[in-house]
Amino acid sequence: MYFSPSDYLKPFKIGTKCYIHQAVNILESHLSSEEKKWFWEHPQFKHFFHMHTDSNHKVMAMWMLLLRTACVDKKKECWFVVNGVPIRYSLQELALISGLYCHSYPKNYEAFGSLGFSGKHFGAGATVTYAKVKTKLLSMKKSSRERLKMAVLFFLCSVIIGKRKTGEKAEAVEDFFLKSVEDLEWCKTFPWGRLAFDKNMKDIDHLIDHFDGELGASWVFPSFVMPLEVCILNMNFVFMIYKLGTTGKLGITTV
């Protein structure tokens, strides 16, 4: 295990840059019916428009899961051990939980498209941040193909891969997002789940390497967090079964 049980009760603050609630609310209130229809009929993104979301989203429970990360050699999956019960998080779990496509990447996908759309709306060579994308989208008052592309860009950098830093030190959104929105049909079939999962693995590795077994004061987890949060339900199930076996009474025990 990367962390010891003595770390479980230490004060810690974790945040996220995965803004599902905000993104869905803005898109539903700002877009036309025809533009919203594109999202509602999208084979992957439509699931986010009928799921329950919380405006004041808390992710501390996810930290309880990450504290129980097991040391394994595999780089394409994570294991968490709760009361001796192993819980796996892999590409398969993300696909089942999110509904995002997780098939293999298209050949040479990183070379797809150009930055023409970005240059047109933000200026050639400009640093395009999440805040700039949001502001630009809200400034586009008329329904158009260009506004729909901006809305898709906003969704991608709100949900799939966010950035840890904001404000003056804000990082640029993924270049791949800027290029992908030039072709909205491509956006329907690309395996966004695989991309989100690969970023999840990098973020978890980064967290483990950063703390190296010694907890700091806070941490921001920027990528798609929903599948990891659903794994927390498995933790509660484990604790329910544990309580039933030890007390004879079934109930949810706080992790």
C-alpha atoms as a PDB file:
ATOM      1  CA  MET A   1       0.000   0.000   0.000  1.00  0.00           C
ATOM      2  CA  TYR A   2       1.225   3.514  -0.799  1.00  0.00           C
ATOM      3  CA  PHE A   3      -0.292   5.040   2.348  1.00  0.00           C
ATOM      4  CA  SER A   4      -0.542   3.645   5.867  1.00  0.00           C
ATOM      5  CA  PRO A   5      -3.760   3.452   7.954  1.00  0.00           C
ATOM      6  CA  SER A   6      -2.395   6.281  10.104  1.00  0.00           C
ATOM      7  CA  ASP A   7      -2.923   8.604   7.105  1.00  0.00           C
ATOM      8  CA  TYR A   8      -6.654   7.875   6.853  1.00  0.00           C
ATOM      9  CA  LEU A   9      -7.687  10.432   9.484  1.00  0.00           C
ATOM     10  CA  LYS A  10      -5.182  13.163   8.656  1.00  0.00           C
ATOM     11  CA  PRO A  11      -6.719  16.489   7.515  1.00  0.00           C
ATOM     12  CA  PHE A  12      -6.572  16.861   3.771  1.00  0.00           C
ATOM     13  CA  LYS A  13      -8.325  18.836   1.034  1.00  0.00           C
ATOM     14  CA  ILE A  14      -8.862  17.519  -2.487  1.00  0.00           C
ATOM     15  CA  GLY A  15     -10.516  19.364  -5.353  1.00  0.00           C
ATOM     16  CA  THR A  16     -11.475  18.633  -8.938  1.00  0.00           C
ATOM     17  CA  LYS A  17     -11.529  20.467 -12.244  1.00  0.00           C
ATOM     18  CA  CYS A  18     -14.184  18.154 -13.691  1.00  0.00           C
ATOM     19  CA  TYR A  19     -17.188  20.488 -14.028  1.00  0.00           C
ATOM     20  CA  ILE A  20     -20.009  18.224 -15.189  1.00  0.00           C
ATOM     21  CA  HIS A  21     -22.806  20.142 -13.430  1.00  0.00           C
ATOM     22  CA  GLN A  22     -21.627  23.537 -14.644  1.00  0.00           C
ATOM     23  CA  ALA A  23     -21.026  22.370 -18.203  1.00  0.00           C
ATOM     24  CA  VAL A  24     -24.446  20.744 -18.569  1.00  0.00           C
ATOM     25  CA  ASN A  25     -26.251  23.750 -17.056  1.00  0.00           C
ATOM     26  CA  ILE A  26     -24.495  26.246 -19.332  1.00  0.00           C
ATOM     27  CA  LEU A  27     -25.055  24.187 -22.460  1.00  0.00           C
ATOM     28  CA  GLU A  28     -28.727  23.595 -21.705  1.00  0.00           C
ATOM     29  CA  SER A  29     -29.393  27.254 -20.973  1.00  0.00           C
ATOM     30  CA  HIS A  30     -27.231  28.828 -23.698  1.00  0.00           C
ATOM     31  CA  LEU A  31     -27.691  26.617 -26.748  1.00  0.00           C
ATOM     32  CA  SER A  32     -30.588  26.409 -29.171  1.00  0.00           C
ATOM     33  CA  SER A  33     -32.807  23.328 -29.349  1.00  0.00           C
ATOM     34  CA  GLU A  34     -31.006  22.169 -32.481  1.00  0.00           C
ATOM     35  CA  GLU A  35     -27.592  22.569 -30.870  1.00  0.00           C
ATOM     36  CA  LYS A  36     -28.701  20.778 -27.724  1.00  0.00           C
ATOM     37  CA  LYS A  37     -30.075  17.985 -29.903  1.00  0.00           C
ATOM     38  CA  TRP A  38     -26.522  17.327 -31.099  1.00  0.00           C
ATOM     39  CA  PHE A  39     -25.500  16.579 -27.511  1.00  0.00           C
ATOM     40  CA  TRP A  40     -28.683  14.686 -26.633  1.00  0.00           C
ATOM     41  CA  GLU A  41     -28.152  12.368 -29.616  1.00  0.00           C
ATOM     42  CA  HIS A  42     -24.384  12.046 -29.207  1.00  0.00           C
ATOM     43  CA  PRO A  43     -23.675   8.335 -28.566  1.00  0.00           C
ATOM     44  CA  GLN A  44     -21.269   9.180 -25.725  1.00  0.00           C
ATOM     45  CA  PHE A  45     -22.081  12.636 -24.359  1.00  0.00           C
ATOM     46  CA  LYS A  46     -25.853  12.181 -24.093  1.00  0.00           C
ATOM     47  CA  HIS A  47     -25.466  10.243 -20.833  1.00  0.00           C
ATOM     48  CA  PHE A  48     -24.249  13.359 -19.012  1.00  0.00           C
ATOM     49  CA  PHE A  49     -27.475  15.221 -19.721  1.00  0.00           C
ATOM     50  CA  HIS A  50     -29.752  12.918 -17.725  1.00  0.00           C
ATOM     51  CA  MET A  51     -27.501  11.985 -14.821  1.00  0.00           C
ATOM     52  CA  HIS A  52     -27.819  13.458 -11.350  1.00  0.00           C
ATOM     53  CA  THR A  53     -25.313  16.231 -10.693  1.00  0.00           C
ATOM     54  CA  ASP A  54     -24.574  18.318  -7.624  1.00  0.00           C
ATOM     55  CA  SER A  55     -23.859  22.051  -7.868  1.00  0.00           C
ATOM     56  CA  ASN A  56     -21.589  21.815  -4.804  1.00  0.00           C
ATOM     57  CA  HIS A  57     -19.765  18.668  -5.758  1.00  0.00           C
ATOM     58  CA  LYS A  58     -17.608  17.119  -3.032  1.00  0.00           C
ATOM     59  CA  VAL A  59     -14.855  14.635  -3.806  1.00  0.00           C
ATOM     60  CA  MET A  60     -13.418  13.906  -0.358  1.00  0.00           C
ATOM     61  CA  ALA A  61     -14.935  10.429  -0.498  1.00  0.00           C
ATOM     62  CA  MET A  62     -12.801   9.779  -3.595  1.00  0.00           C
ATOM     63  CA  TRP A  63      -9.764  10.647  -1.482  1.00  0.00           C
ATOM     64  CA  MET A  64     -10.746   7.860   0.920  1.00  0.00           C
ATOM     65  CA  LEU A  65     -10.496   5.526  -2.055  1.00  0.00           C
ATOM     66  CA  LEU A  66      -7.162   6.887  -3.304  1.00  0.00           C
ATOM     67  CA  LEU A  67      -5.685   6.482   0.189  1.00  0.00           C
ATOM     68  CA  ARG A  68      -6.214   2.760  -0.219  1.00  0.00           C
ATOM     69  CA  THR A  69      -4.309   2.478  -3.511  1.00  0.00           C
ATOM     70  CA  ALA A  70      -2.328  -0.746  -3.681  1.00  0.00           C
ATOM     71  CA  CYS A  71       1.174  -1.080  -5.084  1.00  0.00           C
ATOM     72  CA  VAL A  72       0.957  -3.023  -8.357  1.00  0.00           C
ATOM     73  CA  ASP A  73       3.214  -3.291 -11.387  1.00  0.00           C
ATOM     74  CA  LYS A  74       0.385  -2.907 -13.910  1.00  0.00           C
ATOM     75  CA  LYS A  75       0.201   0.539 -15.532  1.00  0.00           C
ATOM     76  CA  LYS A  76      -3.231   0.164 -17.149  1.00  0.00           C
ATOM     77  CA  GLU A  77      -5.276  -0.454 -14.017  1.00  0.00           C
ATOM     78  CA  CYS A  78      -5.431   0.541 -10.363  1.00  0.00           C
ATOM     79  CA  TRP A  79      -6.288  -1.574  -7.349  1.00  0.00           C
ATOM     80  CA  PHE A  80      -7.700  -0.336  -4.061  1.00  0.00           C
ATOM     81  CA  VAL A  81      -7.824  -2.569  -0.983  1.00  0.00           C
ATOM     82  CA  VAL A  82     -10.674  -1.975   1.481  1.00  0.00           C
ATOM     83  CA  ASN A  83     -10.840  -4.234   4.559  1.00  0.00           C
ATOM     84  CA  GLY A  84      -8.785  -6.780   2.667  1.00  0.00           C
ATOM     85  CA  VAL A  85     -11.117  -6.736  -0.355  1.00  0.00           C
ATOM     86  CA  PRO A  86      -9.445  -5.684  -3.664  1.00  0.00           C
ATOM     87  CA  ILE A  87     -11.369  -3.302  -5.933  1.00  0.00           C
ATOM     88  CA  ARG A  88     -10.185  -2.880  -9.516  1.00  0.00           C
ATOM     89  CA  TYR A  89     -10.358   0.275 -11.631  1.00  0.00           C
ATOM     90  CA  SER A  90      -9.498  -0.334 -15.272  1.00  0.00           C
ATOM     91  CA  LEU A  91     -10.610   0.718 -18.741  1.00  0.00           C
ATOM     92  CA  GLN A  92     -13.415  -1.813 -18.520  1.00  0.00           C
ATOM     93  CA  GLU A  93     -14.853  -0.205 -15.382  1.00  0.00           C
ATOM     94  CA  LEU A  94     -14.692   3.270 -16.930  1.00  0.00           C
ATOM     95  CA  ALA A  95     -16.519   2.055 -20.052  1.00  0.00           C
ATOM     96  CA  LEU A  96     -19.287   0.379 -18.053  1.00  0.00           C
ATOM     97  CA  ILE A  97     -19.746   3.323 -15.677  1.00  0.00           C
ATOM     98  CA  SER A  98     -19.511   6.270 -18.077  1.00  0.00           C
ATOM     99  CA  GLY A  99     -20.842   5.033 -21.415  1.00  0.00           C
ATOM    100  CA  LEU A 100     -17.862   6.634 -23.169  1.00  0.00           C
ATOM    101  CA  TYR A 101     -16.223   4.720 -26.015  1.00  0.00           C
ATOM    102  CA  CYS A 102     -13.020   2.948 -25.024  1.00  0.00           C
ATOM    103  CA  HIS A 103     -11.958   1.185 -28.213  1.00  0.00           C
ATOM    104  CA  SER A 104      -8.453   1.594 -29.668  1.00  0.00           C
ATOM    105  CA  TYR A 105      -7.325   5.024 -30.793  1.00  0.00           C
ATOM    106  CA  PRO A 106      -7.587   5.788 -34.529  1.00  0.00           C
ATOM    107  CA  LYS A 107      -4.261   5.481 -36.324  1.00  0.00           C
ATOM    108  CA  ASN A 108      -2.167   8.653 -36.012  1.00  0.00           C
ATOM    109  CA  TYR A 109      -5.007  10.342 -34.131  1.00  0.00           C
ATOM    110  CA  GLU A 110      -2.680  12.884 -32.500  1.00  0.00           C
ATOM    111  CA  ALA A 111      -1.930  14.344 -35.937  1.00  0.00           C
ATOM    112  CA  PHE A 112      -5.620  14.771 -36.769  1.00  0.00           C
ATOM    113  CA  GLY A 113      -6.978  18.201 -37.720  1.00  0.00           C
ATOM    114  CA  SER A 114      -5.442  21.638 -37.394  1.00  0.00           C
ATOM    115  CA  LEU A 115      -5.600  24.690 -35.162  1.00  0.00           C
ATOM    116  CA  GLY A 116      -7.604  26.672 -37.686  1.00  0.00           C
ATOM    117  CA  PHE A 117     -10.688  26.895 -35.470  1.00  0.00           C
ATOM    118  CA  SER A 118      -8.580  28.023 -32.521  1.00  0.00           C
ATOM    119  CA  GLY A 119      -6.759  30.626 -34.576  1.00  0.00           C
ATOM    120  CA  LYS A 120     -10.013  32.016 -35.951  1.00  0.00           C
ATOM    121  CA  HIS A 121     -11.597  32.580 -32.544  1.00  0.00           C
ATOM    122  CA  PHE A 122      -8.648  33.118 -30.189  1.00  0.00           C
ATOM    123  CA  GLY A 123      -5.835  34.267 -32.464  1.00  0.00           C
ATOM    124  CA  ALA A 124      -2.965  32.304 -33.985  1.00  0.00           C
ATOM    125  CA  GLY A 125      -0.553  31.051 -31.337  1.00  0.00           C
ATOM    126  CA  ALA A 126      -2.712  32.255 -28.445  1.00  0.00           C
ATOM    127  CA  THR A 127      -2.835  30.345 -25.158  1.00  0.00           C
ATOM    128  CA  VAL A 128      -6.399  29.027 -25.001  1.00  0.00           C
ATOM    129  CA  THR A 129      -7.483  28.473 -21.395  1.00  0.00           C
ATOM    130  CA  TYR A 130     -10.693  27.044 -19.979  1.00  0.00           C
ATOM    131  CA  ALA A 131     -11.811  30.529 -18.917  1.00  0.00           C
ATOM    132  CA  LYS A 132     -11.300  31.884 -22.444  1.00  0.00           C
ATOM    133  CA  VAL A 133     -13.328  29.049 -23.948  1.00  0.00           C
ATOM    134  CA  LYS A 134     -16.185  29.635 -21.505  1.00  0.00           C
ATOM    135  CA  THR A 135     -16.179  33.406 -22.079  1.00  0.00           C
ATOM    136  CA  LYS A 136     -16.090  32.985 -25.859  1.00  0.00           C
ATOM    137  CA  LEU A 137     -18.968  30.512 -25.838  1.00  0.00           C
ATOM    138  CA  LEU A 138     -21.169  32.784 -23.738  1.00  0.00           C
ATOM    139  CA  SER A 139     -20.375  35.722 -26.022  1.00  0.00           C
ATOM    140  CA  MET A 140     -21.698  33.852 -29.073  1.00  0.00           C
ATOM    141  CA  LYS A 141     -25.374  34.790 -29.014  1.00  0.00           C
ATOM    142  CA  LYS A 142     -26.538  33.355 -32.347  1.00  0.00           C
ATOM    143  CA  SER A 143     -26.941  29.672 -33.114  1.00  0.00           C
ATOM    144  CA  SER A 144     -24.376  28.497 -35.652  1.00  0.00           C
ATOM    145  CA  ARG A 145     -22.065  25.652 -36.556  1.00  0.00           C
ATOM    146  CA  GLU A 146     -19.196  27.643 -35.055  1.00  0.00           C
ATOM    147  CA  ARG A 147     -21.017  28.044 -31.738  1.00  0.00           C
ATOM    148  CA  LEU A 148     -21.737  24.319 -31.652  1.00  0.00           C
ATOM    149  CA  LYS A 149     -18.031  23.607 -32.120  1.00  0.00           C
ATOM    150  CA  MET A 150     -17.226  26.012 -29.288  1.00  0.00           C
ATOM    151  CA  ALA A 151     -19.801  24.257 -27.107  1.00  0.00           C
ATOM    152  CA  VAL A 152     -18.183  20.879 -27.810  1.00  0.00           C
ATOM    153  CA  LEU A 153     -14.768  22.336 -26.951  1.00  0.00           C
ATOM    154  CA  PHE A 154     -16.217  23.717 -23.703  1.00  0.00           C
ATOM    155  CA  PHE A 155     -17.678  20.302 -22.853  1.00  0.00           C
ATOM    156  CA  LEU A 156     -14.415  18.477 -23.517  1.00  0.00           C
ATOM    157  CA  CYS A 157     -12.279  20.764 -21.352  1.00  0.00           C
ATOM    158  CA  SER A 158     -14.967  20.864 -18.637  1.00  0.00           C
ATOM    159  CA  VAL A 159     -15.482  17.114 -18.326  1.00  0.00           C
ATOM    160  CA  ILE A 160     -12.913  14.905 -20.065  1.00  0.00           C
ATOM    161  CA  ILE A 161      -9.610  16.600 -19.168  1.00  0.00           C
ATOM    162  CA  GLY A 162      -9.364  19.735 -17.046  1.00  0.00           C
ATOM    163  CA  LYS A 163      -6.325  21.687 -15.868  1.00  0.00           C
ATOM    164  CA  ARG A 164      -5.052  22.054 -12.310  1.00  0.00           C
ATOM    165  CA  LYS A 165      -4.173  25.763 -12.446  1.00  0.00           C
ATOM    166  CA  THR A 166      -6.562  28.670 -13.003  1.00  0.00           C
ATOM    167  CA  GLY A 167      -6.293  32.454 -13.048  1.00  0.00           C
ATOM    168  CA  GLU A 168      -3.132  34.133 -14.325  1.00  0.00           C
ATOM    169  CA  LYS A 169      -1.225  30.847 -14.205  1.00  0.00           C
ATOM    170  CA  ALA A 170      -3.938  28.895 -16.009  1.00  0.00           C
ATOM    171  CA  GLU A 171      -2.740  26.148 -18.314  1.00  0.00           C
ATOM    172  CA  ALA A 172      -3.865  25.833 -21.923  1.00  0.00           C
ATOM    173  CA  VAL A 173      -6.582  23.335 -22.800  1.00  0.00           C
ATOM    174  CA  GLU A 174      -5.523  20.257 -24.738  1.00  0.00           C
ATOM    175  CA  ASP A 175      -4.385  21.035 -28.297  1.00  0.00           C
ATOM    176  CA  PHE A 176      -6.075  17.815 -29.329  1.00  0.00           C
ATOM    177  CA  PHE A 177      -9.439  19.240 -28.215  1.00  0.00           C
ATOM    178  CA  LEU A 178      -8.869  22.387 -30.284  1.00  0.00           C
ATOM    179  CA  LYS A 179      -8.163  20.284 -33.355  1.00  0.00           C
ATOM    180  CA  SER A 180     -10.897  17.705 -32.807  1.00  0.00           C
ATOM    181  CA  VAL A 181     -13.800  20.156 -32.815  1.00  0.00           C
ATOM    182  CA  GLU A 182     -13.080  21.057 -36.418  1.00  0.00           C
ATOM    183  CA  ASP A 183     -14.810  17.787 -37.344  1.00  0.00           C
ATOM    184  CA  LEU A 184     -17.928  17.135 -35.258  1.00  0.00           C
ATOM    185  CA  GLU A 185     -18.463  13.704 -36.830  1.00  0.00           C
ATOM    186  CA  TRP A 186     -15.003  12.725 -35.589  1.00  0.00           C
ATOM    187  CA  CYS A 187     -16.081  13.868 -32.116  1.00  0.00           C
ATOM    188  CA  LYS A 188     -18.944  11.362 -32.198  1.00  0.00           C
ATOM    189  CA  THR A 189     -16.773   8.299 -32.764  1.00  0.00           C
ATOM    190  CA  PHE A 190     -13.474   9.091 -31.053  1.00  0.00           C
ATOM    191  CA  PRO A 191     -12.843   6.944 -27.916  1.00  0.00           C
ATOM    192  CA  TRP A 192     -13.099   9.740 -25.330  1.00  0.00           C
ATOM    193  CA  GLY A 193     -13.307   7.139 -22.580  1.00  0.00           C
ATOM    194  CA  ARG A 194      -9.871   5.746 -23.392  1.00  0.00           C
ATOM    195  CA  LEU A 195      -8.412   9.261 -23.451  1.00  0.00           C
ATOM    196  CA  ALA A 196     -10.033  10.063 -20.086  1.00  0.00           C
ATOM    197  CA  PHE A 197      -8.805   6.796 -18.581  1.00  0.00           C
ATOM    198  CA  ASP A 198      -5.216   7.307 -19.736  1.00  0.00           C
ATOM    199  CA  LYS A 199      -5.283  10.760 -18.130  1.00  0.00           C
ATOM    200  CA  ASN A 200      -6.755   9.221 -14.940  1.00  0.00           C
ATOM    201  CA  MET A 201      -3.814   6.837 -14.716  1.00  0.00           C
ATOM    202  CA  LYS A 202      -1.315   9.665 -15.203  1.00  0.00           C
ATOM    203  CA  ASP A 203      -3.047  11.782 -12.550  1.00  0.00           C
ATOM    204  CA  ILE A 204      -3.062   8.924 -10.030  1.00  0.00           C
ATOM    205  CA  ASP A 205       0.621   8.175 -10.714  1.00  0.00           C
ATOM    206  CA  HIS A 206       1.411  11.875 -10.352  1.00  0.00           C
ATOM    207  CA  LEU A 207      -0.400  12.035  -7.030  1.00  0.00           C
ATOM    208  CA  ILE A 208       1.415   8.967  -5.678  1.00  0.00           C
ATOM    209  CA  ASP A 209       4.810  10.244  -6.850  1.00  0.00           C
ATOM    210  CA  HIS A 210       4.158  13.728  -5.483  1.00  0.00           C
ATOM    211  CA  PHE A 211       3.333  12.635  -1.944  1.00  0.00           C
ATOM    212  CA  ASP A 212       5.656   9.610  -1.880  1.00  0.00           C
ATOM    213  CA  GLY A 213       3.846   8.204   1.142  1.00  0.00           C
ATOM    214  CA  GLU A 214       3.783  11.543   3.003  1.00  0.00           C
ATOM    215  CA  LEU A 215       0.538  13.528   2.750  1.00  0.00           C
ATOM    216  CA  GLY A 216       0.605  17.242   2.024  1.00  0.00           C
ATOM    217  CA  ALA A 217      -2.089  19.844   2.638  1.00  0.00           C
ATOM    218  CA  SER A 218      -4.148  19.673  -0.574  1.00  0.00           C
ATOM    219  CA  TRP A 219      -4.384  18.314  -4.093  1.00  0.00           C
ATOM    220  CA  VAL A 220      -6.335  18.989  -7.286  1.00  0.00           C
ATOM    221  CA  PHE A 221      -7.443  16.029  -9.409  1.00  0.00           C
ATOM    222  CA  PRO A 222      -8.101  17.556 -12.861  1.00  0.00           C
ATOM    223  CA  SER A 223      -9.360  14.678 -14.988  1.00  0.00           C
ATOM    224  CA  PHE A 224     -12.694  12.851 -15.309  1.00  0.00           C
ATOM    225  CA  VAL A 225     -13.545  11.723 -11.760  1.00  0.00           C
ATOM    226  CA  MET A 226     -17.006  10.142 -12.068  1.00  0.00           C
ATOM    227  CA  PRO A 227     -15.880   6.501 -12.577  1.00  0.00           C
ATOM    228  CA  LEU A 228     -13.569   6.720  -9.559  1.00  0.00           C
ATOM    229  CA  GLU A 229     -16.427   8.098  -7.489  1.00  0.00           C
ATOM    230  CA  VAL A 230     -18.650   5.182  -8.464  1.00  0.00           C
ATOM    231  CA  CYS A 231     -15.925   2.878  -7.172  1.00  0.00           C
ATOM    232  CA  ILE A 232     -16.653   4.455  -3.780  1.00  0.00           C
ATOM    233  CA  LEU A 233     -20.034   2.729  -3.892  1.00  0.00           C
ATOM    234  CA  ASN A 234     -18.110  -0.532  -3.972  1.00  0.00           C
ATOM    235  CA  MET A 235     -16.294   0.611  -0.832  1.00  0.00           C
ATOM    236  CA  ASN A 236     -19.585   1.263   0.953  1.00  0.00           C
ATOM    237  CA  PHE A 237     -20.803  -2.160  -0.144  1.00  0.00           C
ATOM    238  CA  VAL A 238     -17.679  -3.737   1.314  1.00  0.00           C
ATOM    239  CA  PHE A 239     -18.229  -1.936   4.615  1.00  0.00           C
ATOM    240  CA  MET A 240     -21.899  -2.978   4.681  1.00  0.00           C
ATOM    241  CA  ILE A 241     -20.944  -6.629   4.256  1.00  0.00           C
ATOM    242  CA  TYR A 242     -18.175  -6.240   6.844  1.00  0.00           C
ATOM    243  CA  LYS A 243     -20.619  -4.746   9.348  1.00  0.00           C
ATOM    244  CA  LEU A 244     -23.128  -7.518   8.690  1.00  0.00           C
ATOM    245  CA  GLY A 245     -20.469 -10.131   9.355  1.00  0.00           C
ATOM    246  CA  THR A 246     -19.200  -8.524  12.551  1.00  0.00           C
ATOM    247  CA  THR A 247     -22.398  -7.188  14.135  1.00  0.00           C
ATOM    248  CA  GLY A 248     -25.185  -9.129  12.484  1.00  0.00           C
ATOM    249  CA  LYS A 249     -26.745  -5.809  11.397  1.00  0.00           C
ATOM    250  CA  LEU A 250     -26.708  -4.463   7.873  1.00  0.00           C
ATOM    251  CA  GLY A 251     -25.964  -0.757   7.536  1.00  0.00           C
ATOM    252  CA  ILE A 252     -23.742   1.746   5.836  1.00  0.00           C
ATOM    253  CA  THR A 253     -20.596   2.542   7.761  1.00  0.00           C
ATOM    254  CA  THR A 254     -18.743   5.781   7.068  1.00  0.00           C
ATOM    255  CA  VAL A 255     -15.346   5.100   5.534  1.00  0.00           C
END
